[in-house]
Amino acid sequence: MFLQNAMFNSVKKLKSHAANMLTICNLAFGGAAIMATMNEQFTYSVLFIFVAGLLDRFDGMVARKFSLESELGKQLDSMSDIISFGVAPALLMYSLVLHEFSVTGMAITVLYIACGGFRLARFNISESNGFFTGLPITVAGVILTLSYFALNYIPSVSYMFLVIILSILMISTFTARKV
C-alpha cells in the first residue's frame, strides 16, 4: 500500500511538472545549438533548433491538457524562446553569413535578438485573447534557421534583409489568430 501511494504521488508530481520539463529541454537544445555554432557544427545547430521548436510546440499542449498553465511556466517559456529562437538562430546566421558585413552584421544580429526579447516581453504582459500580436519569435527563429538550407542559392546580402524583416515583423502590431 505504501509503495502504491508513493508511486501514485511520484507520477502525480511528475505530471505536474511535465510542461516545465519540456520547456527546460527546449532551453537545453537552444543552448546546445549555440555551443554547436561556436564549434562550427552548423548542421547540429540547425537540428537542435528544430528539436527545440518541437519541444516548444508540445510544452504548451501538455500545459493545457493537464491544466498546468502558470505564471512560472509562461516566464520559463519566454526565457527558453529567447535562447532557442532568438540567440541561437541569430548566432548561427551571424557565424555563417552576417560576419561578412562586420559591424553592420553585428548590429543586425543584435537587432534581431533585441526585437525577439521585446516581442516576448510584450506577449508576457498582454491579455490572452486568441490572437498573436506580431510574428512569434518561434516562427521567426524557425524561418531564419530554415534559411540555412538556401546558403548556396541566395546572395549573402539577402540574409541582412531577411533578419531585418523578421525583426520588424516581431515588433509589429499586426494580429493573427492563434491555432
N, C-alpha and C. Protein backbone atom coordinates (compact mmCIF):
# COMPACT_ATOMS: atom_id res chain seq x y z
N MET A 1 0.81 -1.19 0.00
CA MET A 1 0.00 0.00 0.00
C MET A 1 0.86 1.26 0.00
N PHE A 2 1.90 1.26 0.87
CA PHE A 2 2.80 2.42 0.94
C PHE A 2 3.48 2.66 -0.40
N LEU A 3 3.98 1.57 -1.01
CA LEU A 3 4.66 1.67 -2.30
C LEU A 3 3.71 2.18 -3.38
N GLN A 4 2.48 1.70 -3.34
CA GLN A 4 1.49 2.14 -4.32
C GLN A 4 1.20 3.64 -4.17
N ASN A 5 1.05 4.12 -2.94
CA ASN A 5 0.82 5.55 -2.70
C ASN A 5 2.02 6.38 -3.13
N ALA A 6 3.22 5.88 -2.84
CA ALA A 6 4.44 6.59 -3.22
C ALA A 6 4.54 6.71 -4.73
N MET A 7 4.24 5.62 -5.45
CA MET A 7 4.28 5.65 -6.92
C MET A 7 3.23 6.61 -7.47
N PHE A 8 2.02 6.57 -6.89
CA PHE A 8 0.96 7.46 -7.33
C PHE A 8 1.37 8.91 -7.13
N ASN A 9 1.93 9.24 -5.98
CA ASN A 9 2.37 10.60 -5.71
C ASN A 9 3.51 11.02 -6.63
N SER A 10 4.41 10.08 -6.94
CA SER A 10 5.52 10.39 -7.85
C SER A 10 5.01 10.68 -9.25
N VAL A 11 4.08 9.86 -9.72
CA VAL A 11 3.51 10.07 -11.05
C VAL A 11 2.74 11.40 -11.08
N LYS A 12 1.99 11.67 -10.02
CA LYS A 12 1.24 12.93 -9.95
C LYS A 12 2.19 14.13 -9.97
N LYS A 13 3.28 14.03 -9.21
CA LYS A 13 4.25 15.13 -9.16
C LYS A 13 4.95 15.29 -10.52
N LEU A 14 5.33 14.18 -11.15
CA LEU A 14 5.96 14.22 -12.46
C LEU A 14 5.03 14.87 -13.47
N LYS A 15 3.76 14.48 -13.43
CA LYS A 15 2.77 15.03 -14.35
C LYS A 15 2.61 16.54 -14.13
N SER A 16 2.69 16.99 -12.88
CA SER A 16 2.52 18.41 -12.59
C SER A 16 3.68 19.26 -13.11
N HIS A 17 4.81 18.63 -13.41
CA HIS A 17 5.97 19.36 -13.91
C HIS A 17 6.29 19.03 -15.37
N ALA A 18 5.43 18.26 -16.02
CA ALA A 18 5.70 17.79 -17.39
C ALA A 18 5.93 18.95 -18.36
N ALA A 19 5.07 19.95 -18.33
CA ALA A 19 5.20 21.07 -19.27
C ALA A 19 6.50 21.82 -19.02
N ASN A 20 6.82 22.09 -17.75
CA ASN A 20 8.06 22.82 -17.45
C ASN A 20 9.29 22.00 -17.81
N MET A 21 9.20 20.68 -17.67
CA MET A 21 10.35 19.84 -18.07
C MET A 21 10.57 19.92 -19.58
N LEU A 22 9.49 19.93 -20.35
CA LEU A 22 9.62 20.09 -21.81
C LEU A 22 10.21 21.45 -22.14
N THR A 23 9.79 22.48 -21.42
CA THR A 23 10.31 23.83 -21.65
C THR A 23 11.80 23.89 -21.33
N ILE A 24 12.22 23.25 -20.26
CA ILE A 24 13.65 23.23 -19.92
C ILE A 24 14.44 22.44 -20.96
N CYS A 25 13.85 21.39 -21.51
CA CYS A 25 14.51 20.67 -22.62
C CYS A 25 14.64 21.58 -23.84
N ASN A 26 13.61 22.39 -24.12
CA ASN A 26 13.68 23.38 -25.19
C ASN A 26 14.89 24.29 -24.95
N LEU A 27 15.01 24.81 -23.73
CA LEU A 27 16.13 25.68 -23.37
C LEU A 27 17.46 24.96 -23.55
N ALA A 28 17.52 23.70 -23.14
CA ALA A 28 18.76 22.93 -23.26
C ALA A 28 19.16 22.74 -24.72
N PHE A 29 18.19 22.47 -25.58
CA PHE A 29 18.51 22.31 -27.00
C PHE A 29 18.92 23.64 -27.62
N GLY A 30 18.32 24.74 -27.17
CA GLY A 30 18.76 26.06 -27.63
C GLY A 30 20.19 26.33 -27.22
N GLY A 31 20.54 26.01 -25.98
CA GLY A 31 21.92 26.15 -25.51
C GLY A 31 22.87 25.27 -26.29
N ALA A 32 22.43 24.04 -26.56
CA ALA A 32 23.26 23.12 -27.35
C ALA A 32 23.47 23.66 -28.76
N ALA A 33 22.44 24.30 -29.33
CA ALA A 33 22.57 24.88 -30.67
C ALA A 33 23.61 25.99 -30.67
N ILE A 34 23.62 26.80 -29.61
CA ILE A 34 24.62 27.87 -29.51
C ILE A 34 26.02 27.28 -29.42
N MET A 35 26.18 26.25 -28.59
CA MET A 35 27.50 25.62 -28.46
C MET A 35 27.92 24.95 -29.76
N ALA A 36 26.98 24.33 -30.47
CA ALA A 36 27.31 23.72 -31.76
C ALA A 36 27.77 24.79 -32.75
N THR A 37 27.11 25.94 -32.76
CA THR A 37 27.52 27.04 -33.63
C THR A 37 28.93 27.50 -33.27
N MET A 38 29.19 27.65 -31.97
CA MET A 38 30.52 28.09 -31.52
C MET A 38 31.61 27.11 -31.95
N ASN A 39 31.25 25.84 -32.10
CA ASN A 39 32.21 24.82 -32.52
C ASN A 39 32.12 24.51 -34.01
N GLU A 40 31.43 25.40 -34.75
CA GLU A 40 31.27 25.29 -36.20
C GLU A 40 30.62 23.98 -36.64
N GLN A 41 29.76 23.47 -35.80
CA GLN A 41 28.96 22.29 -36.12
C GLN A 41 27.56 22.77 -36.51
N PHE A 42 27.49 23.45 -37.65
CA PHE A 42 26.28 24.17 -38.03
C PHE A 42 25.09 23.26 -38.29
N THR A 43 25.31 22.09 -38.84
CA THR A 43 24.20 21.16 -39.08
C THR A 43 23.57 20.73 -37.77
N TYR A 44 24.40 20.48 -36.76
CA TYR A 44 23.86 20.13 -35.45
C TYR A 44 23.08 21.29 -34.86
N SER A 45 23.59 22.49 -35.04
CA SER A 45 22.90 23.67 -34.54
C SER A 45 21.49 23.75 -35.13
N VAL A 46 21.39 23.57 -36.44
CA VAL A 46 20.09 23.59 -37.11
C VAL A 46 19.19 22.50 -36.53
N LEU A 47 19.71 21.31 -36.39
CA LEU A 47 18.93 20.20 -35.84
C LEU A 47 18.44 20.53 -34.43
N PHE A 48 19.32 21.06 -33.58
CA PHE A 48 18.95 21.37 -32.20
C PHE A 48 17.88 22.46 -32.13
N ILE A 49 17.94 23.43 -33.02
CA ILE A 49 16.92 24.49 -33.04
C ILE A 49 15.57 23.89 -33.44
N PHE A 50 15.56 22.98 -34.40
CA PHE A 50 14.30 22.35 -34.80
C PHE A 50 13.74 21.46 -33.69
N VAL A 51 14.60 20.74 -32.97
CA VAL A 51 14.13 19.94 -31.83
C VAL A 51 13.54 20.87 -30.76
N ALA A 52 14.21 22.00 -30.51
CA ALA A 52 13.68 22.98 -29.56
C ALA A 52 12.29 23.45 -30.00
N GLY A 53 12.11 23.63 -31.30
CA GLY A 53 10.81 24.04 -31.83
C GLY A 53 9.72 23.01 -31.55
N LEU A 54 10.05 21.74 -31.73
CA LEU A 54 9.09 20.68 -31.42
C LEU A 54 8.74 20.68 -29.93
N LEU A 55 9.76 20.80 -29.10
CA LEU A 55 9.53 20.82 -27.66
C LEU A 55 8.69 22.02 -27.26
N ASP A 56 8.93 23.17 -27.90
CA ASP A 56 8.15 24.37 -27.61
C ASP A 56 6.68 24.15 -27.99
N ARG A 57 6.46 23.47 -29.07
CA ARG A 57 5.08 23.19 -29.50
C ARG A 57 4.37 22.30 -28.49
N PHE A 58 5.08 21.28 -27.99
CA PHE A 58 4.45 20.32 -27.10
C PHE A 58 4.31 20.81 -25.67
N ASP A 59 5.19 21.71 -25.21
CA ASP A 59 5.07 22.14 -23.81
C ASP A 59 3.75 22.87 -23.58
N GLY A 60 3.34 23.69 -24.53
CA GLY A 60 2.06 24.38 -24.40
C GLY A 60 0.88 23.42 -24.46
N MET A 61 0.98 22.42 -25.33
CA MET A 61 -0.10 21.43 -25.44
C MET A 61 -0.24 20.66 -24.13
N VAL A 62 0.89 20.25 -23.56
CA VAL A 62 0.87 19.50 -22.30
C VAL A 62 0.32 20.36 -21.18
N ALA A 63 0.75 21.62 -21.12
CA ALA A 63 0.27 22.53 -20.07
C ALA A 63 -1.25 22.69 -20.14
N ARG A 64 -1.78 22.84 -21.35
CA ARG A 64 -3.23 23.00 -21.49
C ARG A 64 -3.96 21.69 -21.19
N LYS A 65 -3.44 20.57 -21.68
CA LYS A 65 -4.09 19.27 -21.47
C LYS A 65 -4.21 18.92 -20.00
N PHE A 66 -3.17 19.17 -19.24
CA PHE A 66 -3.17 18.81 -17.82
C PHE A 66 -3.48 20.01 -16.91
N SER A 67 -3.96 21.10 -17.50
CA SER A 67 -4.27 22.32 -16.74
C SER A 67 -3.10 22.75 -15.87
N LEU A 68 -1.94 22.85 -16.48
CA LEU A 68 -0.71 23.20 -15.77
C LEU A 68 -0.22 24.60 -16.10
N GLU A 69 -1.04 25.40 -16.77
CA GLU A 69 -0.62 26.74 -17.13
C GLU A 69 -0.38 27.56 -15.87
N SER A 70 0.77 28.22 -15.83
CA SER A 70 1.12 29.02 -14.65
C SER A 70 1.96 30.21 -15.09
N GLU A 71 2.07 31.17 -14.20
CA GLU A 71 2.91 32.34 -14.46
C GLU A 71 4.38 31.91 -14.60
N LEU A 72 4.80 30.97 -13.75
CA LEU A 72 6.17 30.45 -13.84
C LEU A 72 6.41 29.82 -15.21
N GLY A 73 5.47 29.00 -15.65
CA GLY A 73 5.61 28.34 -16.95
C GLY A 73 5.68 29.34 -18.09
N LYS A 74 4.87 30.39 -18.00
CA LYS A 74 4.86 31.43 -19.03
C LYS A 74 6.22 32.13 -19.10
N GLN A 75 6.77 32.48 -17.94
CA GLN A 75 8.08 33.15 -17.90
C GLN A 75 9.19 32.22 -18.36
N LEU A 76 9.15 30.97 -17.91
CA LEU A 76 10.16 29.98 -18.30
C LEU A 76 10.12 29.76 -19.81
N ASP A 77 8.92 29.71 -20.37
CA ASP A 77 8.77 29.53 -21.81
C ASP A 77 9.41 30.69 -22.57
N SER A 78 9.21 31.91 -22.10
CA SER A 78 9.82 33.07 -22.77
C SER A 78 11.34 33.05 -22.67
N MET A 79 11.85 32.67 -21.51
CA MET A 79 13.32 32.59 -21.35
C MET A 79 13.89 31.53 -22.30
N SER A 80 13.20 30.43 -22.43
CA SER A 80 13.65 29.39 -23.35
C SER A 80 13.57 29.86 -24.79
N ASP A 81 12.49 30.56 -25.13
CA ASP A 81 12.30 31.01 -26.50
C ASP A 81 13.35 32.04 -26.92
N ILE A 82 13.76 32.92 -26.02
CA ILE A 82 14.78 33.92 -26.41
C ILE A 82 16.11 33.22 -26.71
N ILE A 83 16.39 32.13 -25.99
CA ILE A 83 17.62 31.38 -26.26
C ILE A 83 17.49 30.56 -27.55
N SER A 84 16.42 29.76 -27.63
CA SER A 84 16.27 28.80 -28.74
C SER A 84 15.90 29.44 -30.08
N PHE A 85 15.14 30.53 -30.05
CA PHE A 85 14.65 31.11 -31.30
C PHE A 85 15.09 32.55 -31.52
N GLY A 86 15.79 33.10 -30.52
CA GLY A 86 16.37 34.43 -30.65
C GLY A 86 17.88 34.33 -30.81
N VAL A 87 18.56 33.97 -29.74
CA VAL A 87 20.03 33.94 -29.74
C VAL A 87 20.58 32.84 -30.66
N ALA A 88 20.07 31.61 -30.54
CA ALA A 88 20.64 30.50 -31.32
C ALA A 88 20.57 30.73 -32.84
N PRO A 89 19.41 31.06 -33.42
CA PRO A 89 19.38 31.30 -34.87
C PRO A 89 20.18 32.54 -35.28
N ALA A 90 20.17 33.58 -34.44
CA ALA A 90 20.91 34.80 -34.77
C ALA A 90 22.41 34.51 -34.82
N LEU A 91 22.92 33.79 -33.83
CA LEU A 91 24.36 33.46 -33.83
C LEU A 91 24.71 32.51 -34.97
N LEU A 92 23.81 31.60 -35.28
CA LEU A 92 24.03 30.69 -36.41
C LEU A 92 24.21 31.49 -37.70
N MET A 93 23.28 32.42 -37.96
CA MET A 93 23.36 33.20 -39.20
C MET A 93 24.52 34.19 -39.16
N TYR A 94 24.82 34.71 -37.98
CA TYR A 94 25.99 35.59 -37.88
C TYR A 94 27.26 34.81 -38.22
N SER A 95 27.40 33.63 -37.67
CA SER A 95 28.60 32.82 -37.91
C SER A 95 28.72 32.39 -39.36
N LEU A 96 27.60 32.12 -40.00
CA LEU A 96 27.62 31.63 -41.38
C LEU A 96 27.74 32.75 -42.41
N VAL A 97 27.05 33.87 -42.19
CA VAL A 97 26.91 34.87 -43.24
C VAL A 97 27.15 36.30 -42.76
N LEU A 98 26.47 36.68 -41.69
CA LEU A 98 26.43 38.09 -41.31
C LEU A 98 27.78 38.64 -40.85
N HIS A 99 28.68 37.77 -40.42
CA HIS A 99 30.01 38.25 -40.02
C HIS A 99 30.75 38.91 -41.19
N GLU A 100 30.36 38.55 -42.41
CA GLU A 100 30.98 39.14 -43.61
C GLU A 100 30.75 40.65 -43.68
N PHE A 101 29.73 41.15 -42.98
CA PHE A 101 29.37 42.56 -43.05
C PHE A 101 29.86 43.34 -41.84
N SER A 102 30.80 42.76 -41.11
CA SER A 102 31.49 43.42 -40.00
C SER A 102 30.52 43.99 -38.97
N VAL A 103 30.68 45.27 -38.64
CA VAL A 103 29.87 45.90 -37.60
C VAL A 103 28.39 45.91 -37.98
N THR A 104 28.10 46.08 -39.26
CA THR A 104 26.71 46.07 -39.71
C THR A 104 26.08 44.71 -39.44
N GLY A 105 26.81 43.65 -39.73
CA GLY A 105 26.32 42.30 -39.44
C GLY A 105 26.09 42.08 -37.96
N MET A 106 26.99 42.61 -37.13
CA MET A 106 26.81 42.51 -35.67
C MET A 106 25.56 43.26 -35.23
N ALA A 107 25.40 44.48 -35.75
CA ALA A 107 24.25 45.31 -35.35
C ALA A 107 22.93 44.64 -35.74
N ILE A 108 22.89 44.06 -36.92
CA ILE A 108 21.66 43.39 -37.38
C ILE A 108 21.38 42.15 -36.52
N THR A 109 22.42 41.44 -36.14
CA THR A 109 22.26 40.27 -35.27
C THR A 109 21.70 40.69 -33.92
N VAL A 110 22.25 41.74 -33.34
CA VAL A 110 21.78 42.25 -32.05
C VAL A 110 20.35 42.79 -32.18
N LEU A 111 20.05 43.45 -33.29
CA LEU A 111 18.69 43.95 -33.53
C LEU A 111 17.68 42.81 -33.48
N TYR A 112 17.98 41.71 -34.15
CA TYR A 112 17.08 40.55 -34.16
C TYR A 112 16.84 40.04 -32.74
N ILE A 113 17.91 39.89 -31.96
CA ILE A 113 17.78 39.39 -30.59
C ILE A 113 16.96 40.37 -29.74
N ALA A 114 17.23 41.66 -29.88
CA ALA A 114 16.51 42.68 -29.11
C ALA A 114 15.03 42.70 -29.48
N CYS A 115 14.72 42.62 -30.75
CA CYS A 115 13.31 42.61 -31.17
C CYS A 115 12.61 41.35 -30.67
N GLY A 116 13.30 40.23 -30.68
CA GLY A 116 12.73 38.99 -30.13
C GLY A 116 12.45 39.13 -28.65
N GLY A 117 13.37 39.73 -27.90
CA GLY A 117 13.16 39.97 -26.48
C GLY A 117 11.99 40.90 -26.23
N PHE A 118 11.88 41.96 -27.03
CA PHE A 118 10.77 42.90 -26.90
C PHE A 118 9.45 42.20 -27.18
N ARG A 119 9.41 41.39 -28.22
CA ARG A 119 8.19 40.68 -28.59
C ARG A 119 7.75 39.74 -27.47
N LEU A 120 8.70 39.03 -26.87
CA LEU A 120 8.36 38.12 -25.77
C LEU A 120 7.87 38.88 -24.54
N ALA A 121 8.52 39.99 -24.22
CA ALA A 121 8.09 40.80 -23.08
C ALA A 121 6.68 41.33 -23.30
N ARG A 122 6.40 41.81 -24.50
CA ARG A 122 5.06 42.31 -24.82
C ARG A 122 4.03 41.20 -24.69
N PHE A 123 4.38 40.01 -25.15
CA PHE A 123 3.48 38.86 -25.04
C PHE A 123 3.19 38.54 -23.58
N ASN A 124 4.22 38.58 -22.75
CA ASN A 124 4.05 38.21 -21.33
C ASN A 124 3.15 39.17 -20.56
N ILE A 125 3.07 40.40 -20.98
CA ILE A 125 2.22 41.35 -20.24
C ILE A 125 0.86 41.55 -20.91
N SER A 126 0.64 40.91 -22.04
CA SER A 126 -0.63 41.09 -22.75
C SER A 126 -1.67 40.09 -22.25
N GLU A 127 -2.92 40.45 -22.47
CA GLU A 127 -4.03 39.56 -22.14
C GLU A 127 -4.16 38.52 -23.24
N SER A 128 -4.42 37.29 -22.86
CA SER A 128 -4.62 36.23 -23.84
C SER A 128 -6.00 36.41 -24.46
N ASN A 129 -6.03 36.74 -25.75
CA ASN A 129 -7.30 36.99 -26.42
C ASN A 129 -7.49 36.14 -27.67
N GLY A 130 -6.67 35.12 -27.84
CA GLY A 130 -6.80 34.25 -29.00
C GLY A 130 -6.06 34.77 -30.23
N PHE A 131 -5.28 35.85 -30.08
CA PHE A 131 -4.54 36.42 -31.19
C PHE A 131 -3.08 36.65 -30.80
N PHE A 132 -2.20 36.50 -31.77
CA PHE A 132 -0.81 36.90 -31.62
C PHE A 132 -0.70 38.34 -32.11
N THR A 133 0.14 39.13 -31.45
CA THR A 133 0.47 40.46 -31.94
C THR A 133 1.92 40.40 -32.38
N GLY A 134 2.15 40.62 -33.66
CA GLY A 134 3.49 40.48 -34.22
C GLY A 134 3.83 39.03 -34.50
N LEU A 135 4.90 38.84 -35.23
CA LEU A 135 5.34 37.49 -35.57
C LEU A 135 5.92 36.82 -34.33
N PRO A 136 5.42 35.65 -33.95
CA PRO A 136 6.00 34.95 -32.79
C PRO A 136 7.48 34.65 -33.02
N ILE A 137 8.27 34.77 -31.98
CA ILE A 137 9.71 34.55 -32.10
C ILE A 137 10.01 33.12 -32.55
N THR A 138 9.17 32.19 -32.17
CA THR A 138 9.37 30.80 -32.59
C THR A 138 9.31 30.71 -34.12
N VAL A 139 8.34 31.35 -34.71
CA VAL A 139 8.19 31.34 -36.17
C VAL A 139 9.39 32.04 -36.81
N ALA A 140 9.76 33.21 -36.29
CA ALA A 140 10.91 33.94 -36.83
C ALA A 140 12.18 33.10 -36.75
N GLY A 141 12.38 32.45 -35.60
CA GLY A 141 13.58 31.63 -35.43
C GLY A 141 13.62 30.44 -36.36
N VAL A 142 12.48 29.81 -36.57
CA VAL A 142 12.43 28.66 -37.48
C VAL A 142 12.66 29.12 -38.92
N ILE A 143 12.06 30.24 -39.32
CA ILE A 143 12.29 30.78 -40.68
C ILE A 143 13.77 31.10 -40.87
N LEU A 144 14.36 31.77 -39.90
CA LEU A 144 15.78 32.11 -40.00
C LEU A 144 16.63 30.85 -40.08
N THR A 145 16.30 29.86 -39.29
CA THR A 145 17.05 28.60 -39.31
C THR A 145 16.84 27.86 -40.62
N LEU A 146 15.62 27.86 -41.14
CA LEU A 146 15.36 27.21 -42.43
C LEU A 146 16.17 27.84 -43.55
N SER A 147 16.47 29.14 -43.41
CA SER A 147 17.24 29.82 -44.46
C SER A 147 18.65 29.24 -44.59
N TYR A 148 19.08 28.48 -43.60
CA TYR A 148 20.37 27.76 -43.67
C TYR A 148 20.44 26.92 -44.94
N PHE A 149 19.32 26.34 -45.34
CA PHE A 149 19.29 25.46 -46.50
C PHE A 149 19.38 26.21 -47.82
N ALA A 150 19.31 27.55 -47.79
CA ALA A 150 19.42 28.36 -49.00
C ALA A 150 20.79 29.03 -49.13
N LEU A 151 21.70 28.72 -48.22
CA LEU A 151 23.00 29.40 -48.20
C LEU A 151 23.71 29.41 -49.55
N ASN A 152 23.65 28.31 -50.27
CA ASN A 152 24.36 28.20 -51.54
C ASN A 152 23.57 28.75 -52.72
N TYR A 153 22.36 29.25 -52.46
CA TYR A 153 21.49 29.64 -53.56
C TYR A 153 21.12 31.12 -53.59
N ILE A 154 21.31 31.81 -52.48
CA ILE A 154 20.95 33.24 -52.47
C ILE A 154 22.16 34.05 -52.01
N PRO A 155 22.25 35.30 -52.46
CA PRO A 155 23.40 36.12 -52.07
C PRO A 155 23.41 36.41 -50.56
N SER A 156 24.60 36.57 -50.01
CA SER A 156 24.78 36.83 -48.58
C SER A 156 24.00 38.05 -48.11
N VAL A 157 23.95 39.08 -48.93
CA VAL A 157 23.27 40.31 -48.54
C VAL A 157 21.78 40.07 -48.28
N SER A 158 21.21 39.05 -48.89
CA SER A 158 19.80 38.71 -48.67
C SER A 158 19.53 38.39 -47.21
N TYR A 159 20.53 37.84 -46.53
CA TYR A 159 20.36 37.49 -45.11
C TYR A 159 20.21 38.73 -44.24
N MET A 160 20.89 39.80 -44.63
CA MET A 160 20.73 41.05 -43.86
C MET A 160 19.27 41.50 -43.94
N PHE A 161 18.71 41.45 -45.14
CA PHE A 161 17.32 41.88 -45.31
C PHE A 161 16.36 40.92 -44.61
N LEU A 162 16.62 39.63 -44.69
CA LEU A 162 15.76 38.65 -44.02
C LEU A 162 15.73 38.90 -42.51
N VAL A 163 16.89 39.10 -41.91
CA VAL A 163 16.95 39.33 -40.46
C VAL A 163 16.24 40.63 -40.08
N ILE A 164 16.43 41.66 -40.87
CA ILE A 164 15.75 42.94 -40.59
C ILE A 164 14.24 42.79 -40.73
N ILE A 165 13.79 42.12 -41.77
CA ILE A 165 12.34 41.92 -41.97
C ILE A 165 11.74 41.12 -40.82
N LEU A 166 12.40 40.03 -40.42
CA LEU A 166 11.89 39.23 -39.31
C LEU A 166 11.86 40.05 -38.02
N SER A 167 12.88 40.88 -37.82
CA SER A 167 12.93 41.74 -36.62
C SER A 167 11.74 42.69 -36.59
N ILE A 168 11.49 43.34 -37.71
CA ILE A 168 10.37 44.29 -37.79
C ILE A 168 9.04 43.57 -37.59
N LEU A 169 8.89 42.40 -38.20
CA LEU A 169 7.63 41.66 -38.05
C LEU A 169 7.39 41.24 -36.60
N MET A 170 8.46 40.91 -35.86
CA MET A 170 8.27 40.51 -34.46
C MET A 170 7.73 41.66 -33.61
N ILE A 171 8.18 42.88 -33.88
CA ILE A 171 7.74 44.00 -33.04
C ILE A 171 6.56 44.76 -33.63
N SER A 172 6.10 44.33 -34.81
CA SER A 172 4.96 44.99 -35.44
C SER A 172 3.69 44.72 -34.64
N THR A 173 2.63 45.42 -34.99
CA THR A 173 1.38 45.28 -34.25
C THR A 173 0.30 44.54 -35.03
N PHE A 174 0.64 43.87 -36.11
CA PHE A 174 -0.38 43.11 -36.82
C PHE A 174 -0.82 41.96 -35.92
N THR A 175 -2.05 41.51 -36.12
CA THR A 175 -2.56 40.41 -35.31
C THR A 175 -2.88 39.22 -36.20
N ALA A 176 -2.72 38.05 -35.62
CA ALA A 176 -3.07 36.80 -36.30
C ALA A 176 -3.68 35.85 -35.28
N ARG A 177 -4.69 35.12 -35.70
CA ARG A 177 -5.37 34.19 -34.81
C ARG A 177 -4.44 33.04 -34.43
N LYS A 178 -4.44 32.69 -33.15
CA LYS A 178 -3.66 31.55 -32.67
C LYS A 178 -4.31 30.27 -33.17
N VAL A 179 -3.48 29.29 -33.52
CA VAL A 179 -4.00 27.99 -33.95
C VAL A 179 -3.66 26.92 -32.96
